[in-house]
Amino acid sequence: MAKVKKEEPAITVNGKKYLVADLAEEAKTQLVNIQAADAEINRLQVQLAIAQTARNAYQQALIAALPSQV
């Protein structure tokens, strides 16, 4: 069976690749902060989509509740 080489985790910043294992602790901390911020942005985007969907439903309900114009 052929051995599969496992690629080390890396990030690319401004076009340059860095191995995560080689980063200073401060850089690793900032990477974790970025990942947390990205997760929060994704969570908020889901919440926004839910709110927009609800708003659209309320708008349709309002239109249906208005008296029809003759």
PDB file of N, CA and C in Angstrom:
ATOM      1  N   MET A   1       0.844  -1.173   0.000  1.00  0.00           N
ATOM      2  CA  MET A   1       0.000   0.000   0.000  1.00  0.00           C
ATOM      3  C   MET A   1       0.890   1.237   0.000  1.00  0.00           C
ATOM      4  N   ALA A   2       0.555   2.201  -0.820  1.00  0.00           N
ATOM      5  CA  ALA A   2       1.341   3.432  -0.918  1.00  0.00           C
ATOM      6  C   ALA A   2       1.081   4.312   0.289  1.00  0.00           C
ATOM      7  N   LYS A   3       2.150   4.931   0.767  1.00  0.00           N
ATOM      8  CA  LYS A   3       2.011   5.858   1.882  1.00  0.00           C
ATOM      9  C   LYS A   3       1.516   7.199   1.363  1.00  0.00           C
ATOM     10  N   VAL A   4       0.550   7.755   2.068  1.00  0.00           N
ATOM     11  CA  VAL A   4       0.013   9.059   1.704  1.00  0.00           C
ATOM     12  C   VAL A   4       0.672  10.090   2.602  1.00  0.00           C
ATOM     13  N   LYS A   5       1.313  11.057   1.975  1.00  0.00           N
ATOM     14  CA  LYS A   5       1.971  12.105   2.744  1.00  0.00           C
ATOM     15  C   LYS A   5       0.908  13.072   3.250  1.00  0.00           C
ATOM     16  N   LYS A   6       0.902  13.266   4.566  1.00  0.00           N
ATOM     17  CA  LYS A   6      -0.059  14.188   5.169  1.00  0.00           C
ATOM     18  C   LYS A   6       0.513  15.595   5.096  1.00  0.00           C
ATOM     19  N   GLU A   7      -0.284  16.497   4.532  1.00  0.00           N
ATOM     20  CA  GLU A   7       0.158  17.879   4.395  1.00  0.00           C
ATOM     21  C   GLU A   7      -0.024  18.605   5.716  1.00  0.00           C
ATOM     22  N   GLU A   8       0.985  19.367   6.099  1.00  0.00           N
ATOM     23  CA  GLU A   8       0.918  20.123   7.349  1.00  0.00           C
ATOM     24  C   GLU A   8      -0.010  21.318   7.178  1.00  0.00           C
ATOM     25  N   PRO A   9      -0.747  21.664   8.250  1.00  0.00           N
ATOM     26  CA  PRO A   9      -1.628  22.835   8.172  1.00  0.00           C
ATOM     27  C   PRO A   9      -0.828  24.097   7.859  1.00  0.00           C
ATOM     28  N   ALA A  10      -1.363  24.884   6.937  1.00  0.00           N
ATOM     29  CA  ALA A  10      -0.687  26.113   6.529  1.00  0.00           C
ATOM     30  C   ALA A  10      -1.728  27.183   6.256  1.00  0.00           C
ATOM     31  N   ILE A  11      -1.273  28.419   6.299  1.00  0.00           N
ATOM     32  CA  ILE A  11      -2.119  29.554   5.933  1.00  0.00           C
ATOM     33  C   ILE A  11      -1.376  30.360   4.883  1.00  0.00           C
ATOM     34  N   THR A  12      -2.121  31.099   4.093  1.00  0.00           N
ATOM     35  CA  THR A  12      -1.526  31.986   3.103  1.00  0.00           C
ATOM     36  C   THR A  12      -1.964  33.404   3.428  1.00  0.00           C
ATOM     37  N   VAL A  13      -0.982  34.280   3.608  1.00  0.00           N
ATOM     38  CA  VAL A  13      -1.239  35.685   3.919  1.00  0.00           C
ATOM     39  C   VAL A  13      -0.464  36.532   2.923  1.00  0.00           C
ATOM     40  N   ASN A  14      -1.182  37.408   2.243  1.00  0.00           N
ATOM     41  CA  ASN A  14      -0.562  38.277   1.231  1.00  0.00           C
ATOM     42  C   ASN A  14       0.258  37.479   0.221  1.00  0.00           C
ATOM     43  N   GLY A  15      -0.288  36.323  -0.179  1.00  0.00           N
ATOM     44  CA  GLY A  15       0.355  35.513  -1.200  1.00  0.00           C
ATOM     45  C   GLY A  15       1.500  34.646  -0.714  1.00  0.00           C
ATOM     46  N   LYS A  16       1.810  34.677   0.573  1.00  0.00           N
ATOM     47  CA  LYS A  16       2.914  33.874   1.107  1.00  0.00           C
ATOM     48  C   LYS A  16       2.356  32.799   2.030  1.00  0.00           C
ATOM     49  N   LYS A  17       2.862  31.559   1.853  1.00  0.00           N
ATOM     50  CA  LYS A  17       2.392  30.424   2.638  1.00  0.00           C
ATOM     51  C   LYS A  17       3.240  30.271   3.901  1.00  0.00           C
ATOM     52  N   TYR A  18       2.548  30.041   5.032  1.00  0.00           N
ATOM     53  CA  TYR A  18       3.217  29.836   6.315  1.00  0.00           C
ATOM     54  C   TYR A  18       2.694  28.545   6.938  1.00  0.00           C
ATOM     55  N   LEU A  19       3.595  27.718   7.457  1.00  0.00           N
ATOM     56  CA  LEU A  19       3.175  26.534   8.192  1.00  0.00           C
ATOM     57  C   LEU A  19       2.710  26.979   9.570  1.00  0.00           C
ATOM     58  N   VAL A  20       1.551  26.500   9.978  1.00  0.00           N
ATOM     59  CA  VAL A  20       1.003  26.902  11.272  1.00  0.00           C
ATOM     60  C   VAL A  20       1.953  26.495  12.398  1.00  0.00           C
ATOM     61  N   ALA A  21       2.566  25.342  12.278  1.00  0.00           N
ATOM     62  CA  ALA A  21       3.482  24.868  13.321  1.00  0.00           C
ATOM     63  C   ALA A  21       4.674  25.799  13.519  1.00  0.00           C
ATOM     64  N   ASP A  22       5.030  26.552  12.487  1.00  0.00           N
ATOM     65  CA  ASP A  22       6.187  27.447  12.568  1.00  0.00           C
ATOM     66  C   ASP A  22       5.832  28.839  13.079  1.00  0.00           C
ATOM     67  N   LEU A  23       4.557  29.126  13.271  1.00  0.00           N
ATOM     68  CA  LEU A  23       4.151  30.464  13.684  1.00  0.00           C
ATOM     69  C   LEU A  23       4.470  30.709  15.155  1.00  0.00           C
ATOM     70  N   ALA A  24       4.746  31.964  15.476  1.00  0.00           N
ATOM     71  CA  ALA A  24       4.928  32.368  16.868  1.00  0.00           C
ATOM     72  C   ALA A  24       3.584  32.254  17.586  1.00  0.00           C
ATOM     73  N   GLU A  25       3.624  32.157  18.904  1.00  0.00           N
ATOM     74  CA  GLU A  25       2.389  32.029  19.676  1.00  0.00           C
ATOM     75  C   GLU A  25       1.439  33.195  19.424  1.00  0.00           C
ATOM     76  N   GLU A  26       1.963  34.420  19.313  1.00  0.00           N
ATOM     77  CA  GLU A  26       1.121  35.585  19.044  1.00  0.00           C
ATOM     78  C   GLU A  26       0.410  35.431  17.702  1.00  0.00           C
ATOM     79  N   ALA A  27       1.114  34.934  16.690  1.00  0.00           N
ATOM     80  CA  ALA A  27       0.502  34.728  15.375  1.00  0.00           C
ATOM     81  C   ALA A  27      -0.574  33.644  15.454  1.00  0.00           C
ATOM     82  N   LYS A  28      -0.305  32.577  16.201  1.00  0.00           N
ATOM     83  CA  LYS A  28      -1.302  31.516  16.366  1.00  0.00           C
ATOM     84  C   LYS A  28      -2.539  32.053  17.077  1.00  0.00           C
ATOM     85  N   THR A  29      -2.321  32.911  18.068  1.00  0.00           N
ATOM     86  CA  THR A  29      -3.446  33.522  18.780  1.00  0.00           C
ATOM     87  C   THR A  29      -4.287  34.359  17.831  1.00  0.00           C
ATOM     88  N   GLN A  30      -3.636  35.144  16.989  1.00  0.00           N
ATOM     89  CA  GLN A  30      -4.373  35.980  16.038  1.00  0.00           C
ATOM     90  C   GLN A  30      -5.104  35.125  15.012  1.00  0.00           C
ATOM     91  N   LEU A  31      -4.524  34.007  14.633  1.00  0.00           N
ATOM     92  CA  LEU A  31      -5.188  33.087  13.707  1.00  0.00           C
ATOM     93  C   LEU A  31      -6.467  32.534  14.334  1.00  0.00           C
ATOM     94  N   VAL A  32      -6.392  32.156  15.598  1.00  0.00           N
ATOM     95  CA  VAL A  32      -7.581  31.676  16.314  1.00  0.00           C
ATOM     96  C   VAL A  32      -8.631  32.782  16.387  1.00  0.00           C
ATOM     97  N   ASN A  33      -8.190  34.022  16.638  1.00  0.00           N
ATOM     98  CA  ASN A  33      -9.122  35.153  16.684  1.00  0.00           C
ATOM     99  C   ASN A  33      -9.820  35.356  15.344  1.00  0.00           C
ATOM    100  N   ILE A  34      -9.073  35.230  14.258  1.00  0.00           N
ATOM    101  CA  ILE A  34      -9.658  35.368  12.918  1.00  0.00           C
ATOM    102  C   ILE A  34     -10.682  34.263  12.679  1.00  0.00           C
ATOM    103  N   GLN A  35     -10.340  33.042  13.067  1.00  0.00           N
ATOM    104  CA  GLN A  35     -11.266  31.926  12.889  1.00  0.00           C
ATOM    105  C   GLN A  35     -12.542  32.141  13.699  1.00  0.00           C
ATOM    106  N   ALA A  36     -12.407  32.667  14.912  1.00  0.00           N
ATOM    107  CA  ALA A  36     -13.584  32.947  15.742  1.00  0.00           C
ATOM    108  C   ALA A  36     -14.438  34.045  15.110  1.00  0.00           C
ATOM    109  N   ALA A  37     -13.786  35.084  14.597  1.00  0.00           N
ATOM    110  CA  ALA A  37     -14.522  36.173  13.941  1.00  0.00           C
ATOM    111  C   ALA A  37     -15.245  35.656  12.699  1.00  0.00           C
ATOM    112  N   ASP A  38     -14.579  34.809  11.911  1.00  0.00           N
ATOM    113  CA  ASP A  38     -15.217  34.228  10.725  1.00  0.00           C
ATOM    114  C   ASP A  38     -16.438  33.391  11.104  1.00  0.00           C
ATOM    115  N   ALA A  39     -16.316  32.609  12.186  1.00  0.00           N
ATOM    116  CA  ALA A  39     -17.442  31.793  12.634  1.00  0.00           C
ATOM    117  C   ALA A  39     -18.610  32.680  13.056  1.00  0.00           C
ATOM    118  N   GLU A  40     -18.317  33.771  13.749  1.00  0.00           N
ATOM    119  CA  GLU A  40     -19.377  34.693  14.176  1.00  0.00           C
ATOM    120  C   GLU A  40     -20.027  35.368  12.977  1.00  0.00           C
ATOM    121  N   ILE A  41     -19.229  35.757  11.990  1.00  0.00           N
ATOM    122  CA  ILE A  41     -19.781  36.359  10.770  1.00  0.00           C
ATOM    123  C   ILE A  41     -20.720  35.371  10.083  1.00  0.00           C
ATOM    124  N   ASN A  42     -20.303  34.117   9.983  1.00  0.00           N
ATOM    125  CA  ASN A  42     -21.158  33.094   9.361  1.00  0.00           C
ATOM    126  C   ASN A  42     -22.455  32.911  10.145  1.00  0.00           C
ATOM    127  N   ARG A  43     -22.365  32.890  11.477  1.00  0.00           N
ATOM    128  CA  ARG A  43     -23.555  32.743  12.313  1.00  0.00           C
ATOM    129  C   ARG A  43     -24.507  33.919  12.092  1.00  0.00           C
ATOM    130  N   LEU A  44     -23.949  35.121  12.037  1.00  0.00           N
ATOM    131  CA  LEU A  44     -24.777  36.308  11.832  1.00  0.00           C
ATOM    132  C   LEU A  44     -25.406  36.330  10.441  1.00  0.00           C
ATOM    133  N   GLN A  45     -24.690  35.824   9.441  1.00  0.00           N
ATOM    134  CA  GLN A  45     -25.259  35.759   8.094  1.00  0.00           C
ATOM    135  C   GLN A  45     -26.456  34.820   8.057  1.00  0.00           C
ATOM    136  N   VAL A  46     -26.379  33.721   8.798  1.00  0.00           N
ATOM    137  CA  VAL A  46     -27.514  32.798   8.891  1.00  0.00           C
ATOM    138  C   VAL A  46     -28.684  33.492   9.578  1.00  0.00           C
ATOM    139  N   GLN A  47     -28.414  34.195  10.672  1.00  0.00           N
ATOM    140  CA  GLN A  47     -29.465  34.928  11.383  1.00  0.00           C
ATOM    141  C   GLN A  47     -30.107  35.979  10.479  1.00  0.00           C
ATOM    142  N   LEU A  48     -29.288  36.677   9.698  1.00  0.00           N
ATOM    143  CA  LEU A  48     -29.807  37.683   8.774  1.00  0.00           C
ATOM    144  C   LEU A  48     -30.715  37.038   7.731  1.00  0.00           C
ATOM    145  N   ALA A  49     -30.314  35.891   7.212  1.00  0.00           N
ATOM    146  CA  ALA A  49     -31.143  35.195   6.222  1.00  0.00           C
ATOM    147  C   ALA A  49     -32.484  34.794   6.832  1.00  0.00           C
ATOM    148  N   ILE A  50     -32.465  34.356   8.080  1.00  0.00           N
ATOM    149  CA  ILE A  50     -33.712  33.998   8.763  1.00  0.00           C
ATOM    150  C   ILE A  50     -34.599  35.227   8.908  1.00  0.00           C
ATOM    151  N   ALA A  51     -34.014  36.340   9.344  1.00  0.00           N
ATOM    152  CA  ALA A  51     -34.783  37.578   9.530  1.00  0.00           C
ATOM    153  C   ALA A  51     -35.339  38.089   8.206  1.00  0.00           C
ATOM    154  N   GLN A  52     -34.550  37.991   7.132  1.00  0.00           N
ATOM    155  CA  GLN A  52     -35.023  38.445   5.825  1.00  0.00           C
ATOM    156  C   GLN A  52     -36.177  37.576   5.334  1.00  0.00           C
ATOM    157  N   THR A  53     -36.076  36.282   5.571  1.00  0.00           N
ATOM    158  CA  THR A  53     -37.152  35.374   5.182  1.00  0.00           C
ATOM    159  C   THR A  53     -38.424  35.695   5.959  1.00  0.00           C
ATOM    160  N   ALA A  54     -38.281  35.930   7.255  1.00  0.00           N
ATOM    161  CA  ALA A  54     -39.445  36.291   8.072  1.00  0.00           C
ATOM    162  C   ALA A  54     -40.048  37.605   7.597  1.00  0.00           C
ATOM    163  N   ARG A  55     -39.216  38.581   7.304  1.00  0.00           N
ATOM    164  CA  ARG A  55     -39.711  39.879   6.836  1.00  0.00           C
ATOM    165  C   ARG A  55     -40.508  39.718   5.546  1.00  0.00           C
ATOM    166  N   ASN A  56     -39.987  38.913   4.636  1.00  0.00           N
ATOM    167  CA  ASN A  56     -40.699  38.675   3.374  1.00  0.00           C
ATOM    168  C   ASN A  56     -42.062  38.030   3.624  1.00  0.00           C
ATOM    169  N   ALA A  57     -42.118  37.101   4.571  1.00  0.00           N
ATOM    170  CA  ALA A  57     -43.392  36.457   4.895  1.00  0.00           C
ATOM    171  C   ALA A  57     -44.361  37.467   5.501  1.00  0.00           C
ATOM    172  N   TYR A  58     -43.862  38.328   6.385  1.00  0.00           N
ATOM    173  CA  TYR A  58     -44.721  39.363   6.980  1.00  0.00           C
ATOM    174  C   TYR A  58     -45.231  40.326   5.913  1.00  0.00           C
ATOM    175  N   GLN A  59     -44.374  40.652   4.968  1.00  0.00           N
ATOM    176  CA  GLN A  59     -44.776  41.558   3.891  1.00  0.00           C
ATOM    177  C   GLN A  59     -45.888  40.927   3.057  1.00  0.00           C
ATOM    178  N   GLN A  60     -45.739  39.659   2.741  1.00  0.00           N
ATOM    179  CA  GLN A  60     -46.775  38.970   1.966  1.00  0.00           C
ATOM    180  C   GLN A  60     -48.082  38.888   2.757  1.00  0.00           C
ATOM    181  N   ALA A  61     -47.978  38.666   4.069  1.00  0.00           N
ATOM    182  CA  ALA A  61     -49.177  38.625   4.907  1.00  0.00           C
ATOM    183  C   ALA A  61     -49.847  39.994   4.958  1.00  0.00           C
ATOM    184  N   LEU A  62     -49.050  41.057   5.009  1.00  0.00           N
ATOM    185  CA  LEU A  62     -49.603  42.410   4.999  1.00  0.00           C
ATOM    186  C   LEU A  62     -50.337  42.678   3.695  1.00  0.00           C
ATOM    187  N   ILE A  63     -49.719  42.324   2.591  1.00  0.00           N
ATOM    188  CA  ILE A  63     -50.348  42.534   1.280  1.00  0.00           C
ATOM    189  C   ILE A  63     -51.677  41.786   1.214  1.00  0.00           C
ATOM    190  N   ALA A  64     -51.692  40.565   1.728  1.00  0.00           N
ATOM    191  CA  ALA A  64     -52.925  39.771   1.705  1.00  0.00           C
ATOM    192  C   ALA A  64     -53.995  40.363   2.619  1.00  0.00           C
ATOM    193  N   ALA A  65     -53.574  41.057   3.677  1.00  0.00           N
ATOM    194  CA  ALA A  65     -54.528  41.621   4.638  1.00  0.00           C
ATOM    195  C   ALA A  65     -55.074  42.979   4.218  1.00  0.00           C
ATOM    196  N   LEU A  66     -54.466  43.610   3.226  1.00  0.00           N
ATOM    197  CA  LEU A  66     -54.928  44.922   2.773  1.00  0.00           C
ATOM    198  C   LEU A  66     -56.195  44.776   1.941  1.00  0.00           C
ATOM    199  N   PRO A  67     -57.075  45.778   2.018  1.00  0.00           N
ATOM    200  CA  PRO A  67     -58.274  45.709   1.171  1.00  0.00           C
ATOM    201  C   PRO A  67     -57.866  45.796  -0.299  1.00  0.00           C
ATOM    202  N   SER A  68     -58.531  45.024  -1.105  1.00  0.00           N
ATOM    203  CA  SER A  68     -58.202  45.055  -2.533  1.00  0.00           C
ATOM    204  C   SER A  68     -58.759  46.319  -3.165  1.00  0.00           C
ATOM    205  N   GLN A  69     -58.011  46.848  -4.105  1.00  0.00           N
ATOM    206  CA  GLN A  69     -58.436  48.066  -4.799  1.00  0.00           C
ATOM    207  C   GLN A  69     -59.234  47.673  -6.036  1.00  0.00           C
ATOM    208  N   VAL A  70     -60.306  48.373  -6.230  1.00  0.00           N
ATOM    209  CA  VAL A  70     -61.192  48.079  -7.358  1.00  0.00           C
ATOM    210  C   VAL A  70     -60.911  48.994  -8.496  1.00  0.00           C
TER     211      VAL A  70
END
